[in-house]
Amino acid sequence: MSRRCQLTGREPGFGKAVSHSHRRTNRRFDPNIQTRRYWFAAEGRHIRLKLCTAAIRTIDRIGVDAAVGRIRARGEKV
């Protein structure tokens, strides 16, 4: 599963895990990706989006139609 938000484009970040003895090993910071189903009234159907939690709050604020417009403007298929 791709760990990428369809609305914000948020991807995993990479860094180091530092132990008590200060040894460093590679790790990744995954965004909190959730799959959500929304009613897309403009096309009369449901759509499934993979979104980070910040994007879910954005859709609550701006609406599904505006969010899908932003996703399609970036060239992604919905």
N, C-alpha and C. Protein backbone atom coordinates (compact mmCIF):
# COMPACT_ATOMS: atom_id res chain seq x y z
N MET A 1 0.84 -1.18 0.00
CA MET A 1 0.00 0.00 0.00
C MET A 1 0.88 1.24 0.00
N SER A 2 0.60 2.13 -0.89
CA SER A 2 1.38 3.36 -0.98
C SER A 2 1.09 4.25 0.22
N ARG A 3 2.13 4.65 0.90
CA ARG A 3 1.97 5.51 2.08
C ARG A 3 2.05 6.97 1.63
N ARG A 4 1.08 7.37 0.81
CA ARG A 4 1.07 8.73 0.28
C ARG A 4 -0.36 9.25 0.31
N CYS A 5 -0.51 10.48 0.78
CA CYS A 5 -1.83 11.09 0.86
C CYS A 5 -2.21 11.64 -0.52
N GLN A 6 -3.44 11.34 -0.96
CA GLN A 6 -3.88 11.81 -2.27
C GLN A 6 -4.14 13.30 -2.30
N LEU A 7 -4.49 13.91 -1.18
CA LEU A 7 -4.81 15.33 -1.17
C LEU A 7 -3.59 16.20 -0.90
N THR A 8 -2.87 15.91 0.15
CA THR A 8 -1.73 16.76 0.53
C THR A 8 -0.41 16.30 -0.06
N GLY A 9 -0.33 15.03 -0.50
CA GLY A 9 0.91 14.51 -1.04
C GLY A 9 1.93 14.13 0.02
N ARG A 10 1.50 14.06 1.26
CA ARG A 10 2.41 13.72 2.36
C ARG A 10 2.94 12.31 2.19
N GLU A 11 4.27 12.14 2.33
CA GLU A 11 4.95 10.87 2.16
C GLU A 11 5.76 10.54 3.40
N PRO A 12 6.30 9.31 3.49
CA PRO A 12 7.12 8.98 4.65
C PRO A 12 8.36 9.86 4.73
N GLY A 13 8.76 10.17 5.97
CA GLY A 13 10.02 10.85 6.21
C GLY A 13 11.01 9.83 6.74
N PHE A 14 12.28 10.09 6.55
CA PHE A 14 13.31 9.15 6.98
C PHE A 14 14.22 9.81 7.98
N GLY A 15 14.74 9.00 8.90
CA GLY A 15 15.62 9.52 9.92
C GLY A 15 16.33 8.38 10.63
N LYS A 16 16.75 8.65 11.83
CA LYS A 16 17.49 7.67 12.61
C LYS A 16 16.79 7.42 13.93
N ALA A 17 16.78 6.14 14.35
CA ALA A 17 16.36 5.79 15.70
C ALA A 17 17.62 5.78 16.55
N VAL A 18 17.59 6.48 17.67
CA VAL A 18 18.78 6.60 18.52
C VAL A 18 18.51 5.83 19.81
N SER A 19 19.33 4.81 20.07
CA SER A 19 19.15 3.98 21.25
C SER A 19 19.77 4.66 22.48
N HIS A 20 19.61 4.01 23.62
CA HIS A 20 20.18 4.54 24.86
C HIS A 20 21.70 4.64 24.77
N SER A 21 22.32 3.68 24.08
CA SER A 21 23.78 3.71 23.92
C SER A 21 24.21 4.63 22.77
N HIS A 22 23.26 5.29 22.17
CA HIS A 22 23.45 6.28 21.10
C HIS A 22 23.82 5.66 19.76
N ARG A 23 23.55 4.37 19.60
CA ARG A 23 23.70 3.75 18.28
C ARG A 23 22.55 4.24 17.41
N ARG A 24 22.82 4.45 16.15
CA ARG A 24 21.80 4.97 15.24
C ARG A 24 21.45 3.95 14.18
N THR A 25 20.17 3.70 13.99
CA THR A 25 19.70 2.82 12.94
C THR A 25 18.63 3.55 12.13
N ASN A 26 18.51 3.16 10.90
CA ASN A 26 17.56 3.83 10.01
C ASN A 26 16.12 3.50 10.41
N ARG A 27 15.25 4.45 10.26
CA ARG A 27 13.82 4.24 10.48
C ARG A 27 13.04 5.15 9.56
N ARG A 28 11.75 4.92 9.47
CA ARG A 28 10.92 5.81 8.67
C ARG A 28 9.71 6.26 9.47
N PHE A 29 9.31 7.47 9.22
CA PHE A 29 8.16 8.08 9.89
C PHE A 29 7.01 8.08 8.88
N ASP A 30 6.10 7.12 9.02
CA ASP A 30 4.98 7.01 8.08
C ASP A 30 3.87 7.98 8.46
N PRO A 31 3.25 8.62 7.45
CA PRO A 31 2.07 9.44 7.75
C PRO A 31 0.91 8.53 8.15
N ASN A 32 -0.03 9.08 8.89
CA ASN A 32 -1.19 8.32 9.35
C ASN A 32 -2.21 8.28 8.22
N ILE A 33 -2.07 7.30 7.33
CA ILE A 33 -2.93 7.18 6.15
C ILE A 33 -4.17 6.37 6.49
N GLN A 34 -5.32 6.91 6.15
CA GLN A 34 -6.62 6.25 6.37
C GLN A 34 -7.34 6.17 5.02
N THR A 35 -8.08 5.11 4.81
CA THR A 35 -8.92 5.01 3.62
C THR A 35 -10.33 5.46 3.99
N ARG A 36 -10.84 6.44 3.27
CA ARG A 36 -12.16 6.99 3.56
C ARG A 36 -13.02 6.94 2.31
N ARG A 37 -14.31 6.69 2.51
CA ARG A 37 -15.29 6.66 1.42
C ARG A 37 -16.19 7.87 1.57
N TYR A 38 -16.29 8.66 0.51
CA TYR A 38 -17.11 9.88 0.51
C TYR A 38 -18.14 9.81 -0.61
N TRP A 39 -19.28 10.42 -0.38
CA TRP A 39 -20.29 10.56 -1.43
C TRP A 39 -19.91 11.75 -2.28
N PHE A 40 -19.69 11.50 -3.57
CA PHE A 40 -19.31 12.55 -4.52
C PHE A 40 -20.54 12.92 -5.33
N ALA A 41 -21.25 13.94 -4.85
CA ALA A 41 -22.56 14.28 -5.41
C ALA A 41 -22.48 14.74 -6.86
N ALA A 42 -21.38 15.36 -7.27
CA ALA A 42 -21.25 15.87 -8.64
C ALA A 42 -21.35 14.74 -9.67
N GLU A 43 -20.88 13.55 -9.31
CA GLU A 43 -20.94 12.42 -10.24
C GLU A 43 -21.92 11.35 -9.78
N GLY A 44 -22.57 11.57 -8.64
CA GLY A 44 -23.57 10.64 -8.15
C GLY A 44 -23.02 9.28 -7.76
N ARG A 45 -21.85 9.25 -7.15
CA ARG A 45 -21.23 7.98 -6.77
C ARG A 45 -20.35 8.17 -5.54
N HIS A 46 -19.96 7.05 -4.94
CA HIS A 46 -19.01 7.09 -3.83
C HIS A 46 -17.59 7.03 -4.39
N ILE A 47 -16.65 7.67 -3.69
CA ILE A 47 -15.24 7.58 -4.06
C ILE A 47 -14.45 7.17 -2.82
N ARG A 48 -13.39 6.42 -3.03
CA ARG A 48 -12.49 6.03 -1.95
C ARG A 48 -11.20 6.82 -2.10
N LEU A 49 -10.78 7.44 -1.01
CA LEU A 49 -9.56 8.23 -1.01
C LEU A 49 -8.65 7.75 0.10
N LYS A 50 -7.34 7.72 -0.17
CA LYS A 50 -6.34 7.42 0.85
C LYS A 50 -5.80 8.76 1.35
N LEU A 51 -6.13 9.10 2.59
CA LEU A 51 -5.86 10.43 3.10
C LEU A 51 -5.12 10.36 4.43
N CYS A 52 -4.27 11.36 4.69
CA CYS A 52 -3.72 11.50 6.03
C CYS A 52 -4.77 12.21 6.89
N THR A 53 -4.58 12.17 8.19
CA THR A 53 -5.59 12.72 9.08
C THR A 53 -5.75 14.23 8.90
N ALA A 54 -4.69 14.93 8.54
CA ALA A 54 -4.81 16.36 8.27
C ALA A 54 -5.69 16.62 7.05
N ALA A 55 -5.60 15.76 6.05
CA ALA A 55 -6.43 15.91 4.84
C ALA A 55 -7.89 15.61 5.12
N ILE A 56 -8.16 14.69 6.05
CA ILE A 56 -9.55 14.41 6.43
C ILE A 56 -10.17 15.65 7.04
N ARG A 57 -9.42 16.35 7.89
CA ARG A 57 -9.92 17.60 8.46
C ARG A 57 -10.09 18.68 7.39
N THR A 58 -9.20 18.69 6.39
CA THR A 58 -9.32 19.65 5.30
C THR A 58 -10.60 19.41 4.51
N ILE A 59 -10.92 18.14 4.23
CA ILE A 59 -12.15 17.83 3.49
C ILE A 59 -13.37 18.22 4.31
N ASP A 60 -13.32 18.04 5.62
CA ASP A 60 -14.43 18.49 6.47
C ASP A 60 -14.63 20.00 6.34
N ARG A 61 -13.54 20.72 6.13
CA ARG A 61 -13.62 22.18 6.06
C ARG A 61 -14.02 22.68 4.67
N ILE A 62 -13.39 22.15 3.59
CA ILE A 62 -13.63 22.70 2.25
C ILE A 62 -14.66 21.92 1.43
N GLY A 63 -14.93 20.68 1.82
CA GLY A 63 -15.90 19.87 1.09
C GLY A 63 -15.25 18.92 0.11
N VAL A 64 -15.99 17.89 -0.26
CA VAL A 64 -15.47 16.84 -1.13
C VAL A 64 -15.24 17.36 -2.55
N ASP A 65 -16.16 18.20 -3.05
CA ASP A 65 -16.02 18.68 -4.43
C ASP A 65 -14.73 19.48 -4.63
N ALA A 66 -14.43 20.38 -3.70
CA ALA A 66 -13.21 21.17 -3.80
C ALA A 66 -11.97 20.30 -3.65
N ALA A 67 -12.04 19.31 -2.77
CA ALA A 67 -10.89 18.42 -2.56
C ALA A 67 -10.61 17.59 -3.81
N VAL A 68 -11.65 17.05 -4.43
CA VAL A 68 -11.46 16.27 -5.65
C VAL A 68 -10.93 17.17 -6.76
N GLY A 69 -11.36 18.42 -6.79
CA GLY A 69 -10.81 19.37 -7.77
C GLY A 69 -9.32 19.57 -7.58
N ARG A 70 -8.86 19.66 -6.34
CA ARG A 70 -7.43 19.81 -6.07
C ARG A 70 -6.65 18.57 -6.48
N ILE A 71 -7.23 17.40 -6.20
CA ILE A 71 -6.55 16.15 -6.55
C ILE A 71 -6.43 16.01 -8.06
N ARG A 72 -7.49 16.32 -8.78
CA ARG A 72 -7.48 16.20 -10.24
C ARG A 72 -6.59 17.27 -10.88
N ALA A 73 -6.47 18.44 -10.25
CA ALA A 73 -5.61 19.48 -10.78
C ALA A 73 -4.15 19.05 -10.77
N ARG A 74 -3.81 18.17 -9.82
CA ARG A 74 -2.45 17.65 -9.74
C ARG A 74 -2.23 16.50 -10.73
N GLY A 75 -3.28 16.06 -11.41
CA GLY A 75 -3.16 15.02 -12.41
C GLY A 75 -3.46 13.62 -11.91
N GLU A 76 -3.92 13.48 -10.67
CA GLU A 76 -4.25 12.15 -10.15
C GLU A 76 -5.66 11.77 -10.59
N LYS A 77 -5.85 10.47 -10.77
CA LYS A 77 -7.16 9.95 -11.15
C LYS A 77 -7.98 9.66 -9.91
N VAL A 78 -9.26 10.05 -9.92
CA VAL A 78 -10.16 9.76 -8.79
C VAL A 78 -11.31 8.93 -9.28
